[in-house]
Amino acid sequence: MPDSTNPVPVLSRIASDASCLHQALRALPAARDASALAARITDAQDLAGIALRLFLTRSRQTSRPSPTDLLLLHRVTQIAKAAQDAAAELTAALARAVGGWF
């Protein structure tokens, strides 16, 4: 389990995961593979969940947040939103792919 007093390693992993997900999202429209889209939706939702749990943990640990704490929380919320947006885009792409089967 990560050290709850130092969120930097977790945030670095989340940022790396977000980058990988973004690259995969850019590559998928050409493939239109429904199972790959579904897997990426799950990845995006997992990433958003991790970021939101990190936000909750950090916000509960800081009774008087410093500017550094606030910047960290802001970055975590940006990552969570980006992951949720990616999941929404992927879900729309999956719906279009499945709609093309009919």
Protein backbone atom coordinates (compact mmCIF):
# COMPACT_ATOMS: atom_id res chain seq x y z
CA MET A 1 0.00 0.00 0.00
CA PRO A 2 1.39 3.46 -0.86
CA ASP A 3 2.56 5.89 1.80
CA SER A 4 -0.51 8.04 2.51
CA THR A 5 1.63 10.97 3.59
CA ASN A 6 3.36 11.20 0.20
CA PRO A 7 0.93 11.24 -2.72
CA VAL A 8 3.60 12.02 -5.33
CA PRO A 9 4.24 8.37 -6.37
CA VAL A 10 0.51 7.72 -6.69
CA LEU A 11 -0.03 10.94 -8.62
CA SER A 12 2.89 10.08 -10.92
CA ARG A 13 1.36 6.67 -11.61
CA ILE A 14 -2.04 8.21 -12.28
CA ALA A 15 -0.51 10.78 -14.65
CA SER A 16 1.39 8.00 -16.45
CA ASP A 17 -1.79 5.91 -16.73
CA ALA A 18 -3.68 8.93 -18.05
CA SER A 19 -1.01 9.50 -20.68
CA CYS A 20 -1.16 5.87 -21.79
CA LEU A 21 -4.95 6.01 -21.92
CA HIS A 22 -4.83 9.21 -23.98
CA GLN A 23 -2.46 7.58 -26.49
CA ALA A 24 -4.71 4.52 -26.72
CA LEU A 25 -7.77 6.72 -27.23
CA ARG A 26 -6.07 8.44 -30.17
CA ALA A 27 -5.22 5.07 -31.76
CA LEU A 28 -8.62 3.41 -31.34
CA PRO A 29 -10.91 5.29 -33.74
CA ALA A 30 -9.19 3.64 -36.70
CA ALA A 31 -9.53 0.16 -35.22
CA ARG A 32 -13.17 0.40 -34.05
CA ASP A 33 -12.69 -2.81 -32.09
CA ALA A 34 -15.59 -3.08 -29.63
CA SER A 35 -13.78 -5.26 -27.10
CA ALA A 36 -10.76 -2.90 -27.12
CA LEU A 37 -13.11 0.05 -26.63
CA ALA A 38 -14.84 -1.71 -23.72
CA ALA A 39 -11.47 -2.47 -22.10
CA ARG A 40 -10.39 1.15 -22.45
CA ILE A 41 -13.68 2.35 -20.93
CA THR A 42 -12.95 0.16 -17.91
CA ASP A 43 -9.40 1.55 -17.75
CA ALA A 44 -10.69 5.12 -17.84
CA GLN A 45 -13.29 4.46 -15.16
CA ASP A 46 -10.68 2.77 -12.95
CA LEU A 47 -8.32 5.71 -13.42
CA ALA A 48 -11.04 8.21 -12.48
CA GLY A 49 -11.88 6.14 -9.40
CA ILE A 50 -8.24 6.01 -8.28
CA ALA A 51 -7.86 9.76 -8.72
CA LEU A 52 -11.06 10.47 -6.78
CA ARG A 53 -10.01 8.13 -3.94
CA LEU A 54 -6.64 9.91 -3.79
CA PHE A 55 -8.47 13.24 -3.66
CA LEU A 56 -10.67 12.06 -0.78
CA THR A 57 -7.72 10.66 1.14
CA ARG A 58 -5.59 13.79 0.72
CA SER A 59 -8.43 16.22 1.42
CA ARG A 60 -9.25 14.41 4.69
CA GLN A 61 -5.60 14.44 5.78
CA THR A 62 -5.15 18.20 5.41
CA SER A 63 -7.17 20.28 7.84
CA ARG A 64 -5.45 23.49 6.70
CA PRO A 65 -4.21 22.85 3.17
CA SER A 66 -1.06 24.60 2.05
CA PRO A 67 -0.75 26.07 -1.46
CA THR A 68 1.16 22.91 -2.43
CA ASP A 69 -1.66 20.72 -1.09
CA LEU A 70 -4.21 22.75 -3.04
CA LEU A 71 -2.21 22.46 -6.25
CA LEU A 72 -1.94 18.71 -5.75
CA LEU A 73 -5.69 18.39 -5.14
CA HIS A 74 -6.36 20.53 -8.21
CA ARG A 75 -4.13 18.30 -10.36
CA VAL A 76 -5.83 15.17 -9.05
CA THR A 77 -9.27 16.59 -9.93
CA GLN A 78 -8.02 17.46 -13.43
CA ILE A 79 -6.85 13.87 -13.91
CA ALA A 80 -10.17 12.50 -12.62
CA LYS A 81 -12.11 14.74 -15.01
CA ALA A 82 -9.89 13.81 -17.95
CA ALA A 83 -10.40 10.12 -17.21
CA GLN A 84 -14.17 10.59 -16.93
CA ASP A 85 -14.20 12.55 -20.20
CA ALA A 86 -12.18 9.79 -21.87
CA ALA A 87 -14.63 7.17 -20.60
CA ALA A 88 -17.53 9.20 -22.02
CA GLU A 89 -15.81 9.57 -25.41
CA LEU A 90 -14.98 5.88 -25.51
CA THR A 91 -18.53 4.93 -24.54
CA ALA A 92 -19.87 7.09 -27.40
CA ALA A 93 -17.40 5.44 -29.79
CA LEU A 94 -18.51 2.00 -28.58
CA ALA A 95 -22.17 2.95 -29.11
CA ARG A 96 -21.36 4.09 -32.66
CA ALA A 97 -19.43 0.87 -33.34
CA VAL A 98 -22.24 -1.32 -32.03
CA GLY A 99 -24.84 0.80 -33.87
CA GLY A 100 -22.97 0.08 -37.09
CA TRP A 101 -23.67 -3.62 -36.64
CA PHE A 102 -27.41 -3.11 -37.17
